[in-house]
Amino acid sequence: MGALTASDVGEAFGRLRRAPVRIVPATEELVVEAWSIATKCGFARLYDAAYVALAQVNGVPLVTLDARLRRSPASRLVEIIGPTEVRTA
């Protein structure tokens, strides 16, 4: 894999700026759901489950570069896609 060009970075940044992203505060409901998902999916790290829970609760796909997470049992709970698969309006 070669070095990123300024054009590559510019494209990625543009996709990120156009993505329908919003900040969601952590709630007790979200933490409880994340713990449940971690238990069901055998996650050793709660933050992976938190990402899945956040996507699930909001009815949106989870966007990640983490191939391990994409192949995990969590992919049966929520759609997990890569950044290049993000659909922008």
N, C-alpha and C. Protein backbone atom coordinates (compact mmCIF):
# COMPACT_ATOMS: atom_id res chain seq x y z
N MET A 1 0.85 -1.17 0.00
CA MET A 1 0.00 0.00 0.00
C MET A 1 0.89 1.23 0.00
N GLY A 2 0.66 2.16 -0.90
CA GLY A 2 1.48 3.36 -1.02
C GLY A 2 1.00 4.48 -0.12
N ALA A 3 1.72 5.56 -0.18
CA ALA A 3 1.37 6.74 0.61
C ALA A 3 0.12 7.41 0.04
N LEU A 4 -0.62 8.05 0.91
CA LEU A 4 -1.80 8.78 0.48
C LEU A 4 -1.38 10.06 -0.22
N THR A 5 -2.10 10.40 -1.26
CA THR A 5 -1.85 11.67 -1.95
C THR A 5 -2.75 12.73 -1.35
N ALA A 6 -2.45 13.98 -1.64
CA ALA A 6 -3.30 15.08 -1.18
C ALA A 6 -4.71 14.92 -1.75
N SER A 7 -4.80 14.40 -2.96
CA SER A 7 -6.11 14.18 -3.58
C SER A 7 -6.90 13.10 -2.83
N ASP A 8 -6.22 12.01 -2.44
CA ASP A 8 -6.87 10.95 -1.66
C ASP A 8 -7.45 11.51 -0.37
N VAL A 9 -6.64 12.27 0.33
CA VAL A 9 -7.06 12.85 1.61
C VAL A 9 -8.21 13.83 1.39
N GLY A 10 -8.12 14.64 0.37
CA GLY A 10 -9.18 15.60 0.06
C GLY A 10 -10.50 14.92 -0.23
N GLU A 11 -10.45 13.83 -1.01
CA GLU A 11 -11.66 13.06 -1.32
C GLU A 11 -12.27 12.47 -0.06
N ALA A 12 -11.44 11.86 0.76
CA ALA A 12 -11.93 11.23 2.00
C ALA A 12 -12.54 12.28 2.92
N PHE A 13 -11.88 13.41 3.04
CA PHE A 13 -12.39 14.46 3.90
C PHE A 13 -13.72 14.99 3.36
N GLY A 14 -13.82 15.13 2.07
CA GLY A 14 -15.08 15.58 1.46
C GLY A 14 -16.22 14.62 1.73
N ARG A 15 -15.95 13.30 1.61
CA ARG A 15 -16.99 12.30 1.90
C ARG A 15 -17.41 12.37 3.35
N LEU A 16 -16.43 12.55 4.24
CA LEU A 16 -16.75 12.66 5.67
C LEU A 16 -17.60 13.89 5.96
N ARG A 17 -17.27 15.02 5.35
CA ARG A 17 -18.03 16.25 5.58
C ARG A 17 -19.46 16.14 5.05
N ARG A 18 -19.66 15.37 4.00
CA ARG A 18 -21.01 15.22 3.43
C ARG A 18 -21.81 14.12 4.10
N ALA A 19 -21.15 13.28 4.88
CA ALA A 19 -21.84 12.16 5.52
C ALA A 19 -22.85 12.67 6.54
N PRO A 20 -23.98 12.01 6.64
CA PRO A 20 -25.02 12.43 7.59
C PRO A 20 -24.65 11.99 9.02
N VAL A 21 -23.72 12.72 9.63
CA VAL A 21 -23.21 12.38 10.95
C VAL A 21 -23.78 13.35 11.98
N ARG A 22 -24.17 12.81 13.14
CA ARG A 22 -24.59 13.66 14.24
C ARG A 22 -24.01 13.11 15.54
N ILE A 23 -23.81 13.99 16.50
CA ILE A 23 -23.25 13.58 17.78
C ILE A 23 -24.39 13.12 18.69
N VAL A 24 -24.21 11.95 19.29
CA VAL A 24 -25.22 11.37 20.17
C VAL A 24 -24.58 11.14 21.54
N PRO A 25 -25.17 11.70 22.59
CA PRO A 25 -24.58 11.49 23.92
C PRO A 25 -24.78 10.06 24.41
N ALA A 26 -23.85 9.59 25.23
CA ALA A 26 -23.98 8.27 25.84
C ALA A 26 -25.11 8.33 26.87
N THR A 27 -25.96 7.34 26.85
CA THR A 27 -27.07 7.25 27.80
C THR A 27 -26.99 5.90 28.50
N GLU A 28 -27.70 5.78 29.59
CA GLU A 28 -27.73 4.49 30.29
C GLU A 28 -28.29 3.41 29.37
N GLU A 29 -29.33 3.75 28.61
CA GLU A 29 -29.93 2.79 27.66
C GLU A 29 -28.89 2.28 26.66
N LEU A 30 -28.09 3.19 26.14
CA LEU A 30 -27.07 2.81 25.16
C LEU A 30 -26.01 1.91 25.79
N VAL A 31 -25.58 2.22 27.00
CA VAL A 31 -24.57 1.41 27.68
C VAL A 31 -25.11 0.01 27.99
N VAL A 32 -26.36 -0.06 28.44
CA VAL A 32 -26.98 -1.36 28.72
C VAL A 32 -27.08 -2.18 27.43
N GLU A 33 -27.47 -1.55 26.34
CA GLU A 33 -27.58 -2.25 25.06
C GLU A 33 -26.19 -2.70 24.58
N ALA A 34 -25.19 -1.87 24.75
CA ALA A 34 -23.83 -2.23 24.36
C ALA A 34 -23.34 -3.44 25.16
N TRP A 35 -23.62 -3.45 26.45
CA TRP A 35 -23.21 -4.58 27.28
C TRP A 35 -23.89 -5.86 26.80
N SER A 36 -25.17 -5.77 26.46
CA SER A 36 -25.91 -6.92 25.96
C SER A 36 -25.31 -7.43 24.65
N ILE A 37 -24.98 -6.53 23.76
CA ILE A 37 -24.38 -6.91 22.48
C ILE A 37 -23.01 -7.53 22.69
N ALA A 38 -22.21 -6.95 23.58
CA ALA A 38 -20.87 -7.50 23.87
C ALA A 38 -20.99 -8.93 24.37
N THR A 39 -21.97 -9.17 25.22
CA THR A 39 -22.18 -10.52 25.76
C THR A 39 -22.62 -11.48 24.66
N LYS A 40 -23.60 -11.07 23.83
CA LYS A 40 -24.10 -11.92 22.75
C LYS A 40 -23.03 -12.24 21.71
N CYS A 41 -22.19 -11.24 21.40
CA CYS A 41 -21.23 -11.39 20.31
C CYS A 41 -19.85 -11.83 20.78
N GLY A 42 -19.66 -11.94 22.09
CA GLY A 42 -18.37 -12.37 22.61
C GLY A 42 -17.28 -11.33 22.46
N PHE A 43 -17.64 -10.06 22.48
CA PHE A 43 -16.65 -8.99 22.36
C PHE A 43 -15.89 -8.82 23.67
N ALA A 44 -14.57 -8.73 23.56
CA ALA A 44 -13.74 -8.47 24.74
C ALA A 44 -13.69 -6.97 25.04
N ARG A 45 -14.01 -6.17 24.03
CA ARG A 45 -13.95 -4.71 24.19
C ARG A 45 -15.36 -4.13 24.08
N LEU A 46 -15.75 -3.39 25.07
CA LEU A 46 -17.10 -2.83 25.09
C LEU A 46 -17.28 -1.76 24.01
N TYR A 47 -16.20 -1.08 23.62
CA TYR A 47 -16.39 -0.01 22.64
C TYR A 47 -16.86 -0.54 21.30
N ASP A 48 -16.45 -1.74 20.88
CA ASP A 48 -16.99 -2.31 19.64
C ASP A 48 -18.50 -2.47 19.76
N ALA A 49 -18.95 -2.99 20.88
CA ALA A 49 -20.38 -3.19 21.11
C ALA A 49 -21.11 -1.86 21.18
N ALA A 50 -20.45 -0.83 21.71
CA ALA A 50 -21.08 0.49 21.80
C ALA A 50 -21.34 1.05 20.40
N TYR A 51 -20.40 0.85 19.48
CA TYR A 51 -20.61 1.31 18.10
C TYR A 51 -21.79 0.58 17.48
N VAL A 52 -21.87 -0.72 17.70
CA VAL A 52 -22.97 -1.52 17.16
C VAL A 52 -24.29 -1.07 17.77
N ALA A 53 -24.31 -0.89 19.08
CA ALA A 53 -25.53 -0.45 19.77
C ALA A 53 -25.99 0.90 19.27
N LEU A 54 -25.07 1.82 19.10
CA LEU A 54 -25.42 3.15 18.62
C LEU A 54 -26.05 3.10 17.23
N ALA A 55 -25.48 2.30 16.35
CA ALA A 55 -26.06 2.15 15.02
C ALA A 55 -27.42 1.49 15.09
N GLN A 56 -27.53 0.45 15.92
CA GLN A 56 -28.79 -0.29 16.05
C GLN A 56 -29.90 0.60 16.60
N VAL A 57 -29.63 1.32 17.67
CA VAL A 57 -30.63 2.18 18.32
C VAL A 57 -31.10 3.28 17.36
N ASN A 58 -30.19 3.76 16.50
CA ASN A 58 -30.53 4.84 15.58
C ASN A 58 -30.99 4.35 14.21
N GLY A 59 -30.97 3.03 14.00
CA GLY A 59 -31.44 2.48 12.73
C GLY A 59 -30.60 2.88 11.54
N VAL A 60 -29.28 2.95 11.75
CA VAL A 60 -28.36 3.35 10.67
C VAL A 60 -27.26 2.31 10.55
N PRO A 61 -26.58 2.27 9.40
CA PRO A 61 -25.45 1.35 9.27
C PRO A 61 -24.26 1.82 10.12
N LEU A 62 -23.44 0.88 10.53
CA LEU A 62 -22.19 1.17 11.22
C LEU A 62 -21.10 1.26 10.16
N VAL A 63 -20.36 2.37 10.15
CA VAL A 63 -19.28 2.56 9.18
C VAL A 63 -17.95 2.35 9.90
N THR A 64 -17.14 1.42 9.37
CA THR A 64 -15.86 1.12 10.01
C THR A 64 -14.87 0.57 8.99
N LEU A 65 -13.59 0.73 9.31
CA LEU A 65 -12.53 0.08 8.54
C LEU A 65 -12.11 -1.24 9.19
N ASP A 66 -12.70 -1.56 10.33
CA ASP A 66 -12.33 -2.74 11.12
C ASP A 66 -12.91 -4.00 10.47
N ALA A 67 -12.07 -4.71 9.73
CA ALA A 67 -12.53 -5.92 9.02
C ALA A 67 -12.99 -6.99 10.00
N ARG A 68 -12.35 -7.08 11.15
CA ARG A 68 -12.74 -8.07 12.17
C ARG A 68 -14.16 -7.80 12.65
N LEU A 69 -14.49 -6.53 12.88
CA LEU A 69 -15.84 -6.17 13.31
C LEU A 69 -16.86 -6.46 12.21
N ARG A 70 -16.47 -6.22 10.97
CA ARG A 70 -17.38 -6.48 9.85
C ARG A 70 -17.70 -7.97 9.72
N ARG A 71 -16.76 -8.83 10.11
CA ARG A 71 -16.98 -10.29 10.03
C ARG A 71 -17.58 -10.87 11.31
N SER A 72 -17.76 -10.06 12.31
CA SER A 72 -18.20 -10.54 13.62
C SER A 72 -19.70 -10.89 13.63
N PRO A 73 -20.15 -11.55 14.70
CA PRO A 73 -21.58 -11.85 14.84
C PRO A 73 -22.44 -10.58 14.85
N ALA A 74 -21.84 -9.44 15.13
CA ALA A 74 -22.60 -8.19 15.16
C ALA A 74 -23.17 -7.84 13.79
N SER A 75 -22.58 -8.40 12.74
CA SER A 75 -23.08 -8.11 11.39
C SER A 75 -24.48 -8.68 11.17
N ARG A 76 -24.92 -9.56 12.07
CA ARG A 76 -26.30 -10.06 12.01
C ARG A 76 -27.26 -9.11 12.72
N LEU A 77 -26.72 -8.19 13.51
CA LEU A 77 -27.56 -7.26 14.29
C LEU A 77 -27.75 -5.93 13.60
N VAL A 78 -26.76 -5.52 12.82
CA VAL A 78 -26.80 -4.21 12.18
C VAL A 78 -25.97 -4.28 10.90
N GLU A 79 -26.33 -3.48 9.91
CA GLU A 79 -25.54 -3.42 8.67
C GLU A 79 -24.20 -2.76 9.00
N ILE A 80 -23.11 -3.39 8.60
CA ILE A 80 -21.78 -2.84 8.84
C ILE A 80 -21.12 -2.64 7.48
N ILE A 81 -20.73 -1.40 7.18
CA ILE A 81 -20.17 -1.05 5.87
C ILE A 81 -18.85 -0.31 6.04
N GLY A 82 -18.11 -0.22 4.94
CA GLY A 82 -16.87 0.54 4.91
C GLY A 82 -17.14 1.97 4.47
N PRO A 83 -16.18 2.86 4.67
CA PRO A 83 -16.37 4.28 4.31
C PRO A 83 -16.71 4.50 2.84
N THR A 84 -16.16 3.67 1.97
CA THR A 84 -16.45 3.86 0.54
C THR A 84 -17.87 3.47 0.17
N GLU A 85 -18.57 2.80 1.09
CA GLU A 85 -19.95 2.38 0.85
C GLU A 85 -20.99 3.37 1.37
N VAL A 86 -20.51 4.45 2.01
CA VAL A 86 -21.43 5.45 2.56
C VAL A 86 -22.17 6.13 1.43
N ARG A 87 -23.46 6.18 1.56
CA ARG A 87 -24.31 6.86 0.57
C ARG A 87 -24.58 8.27 1.08
N THR A 88 -24.24 9.26 0.27
CA THR A 88 -24.49 10.65 0.66
C THR A 88 -25.64 11.20 -0.15
N ALA A 89 -26.29 12.16 0.45
CA ALA A 89 -27.46 12.76 -0.22
C ALA A 89 -27.04 13.74 -1.27
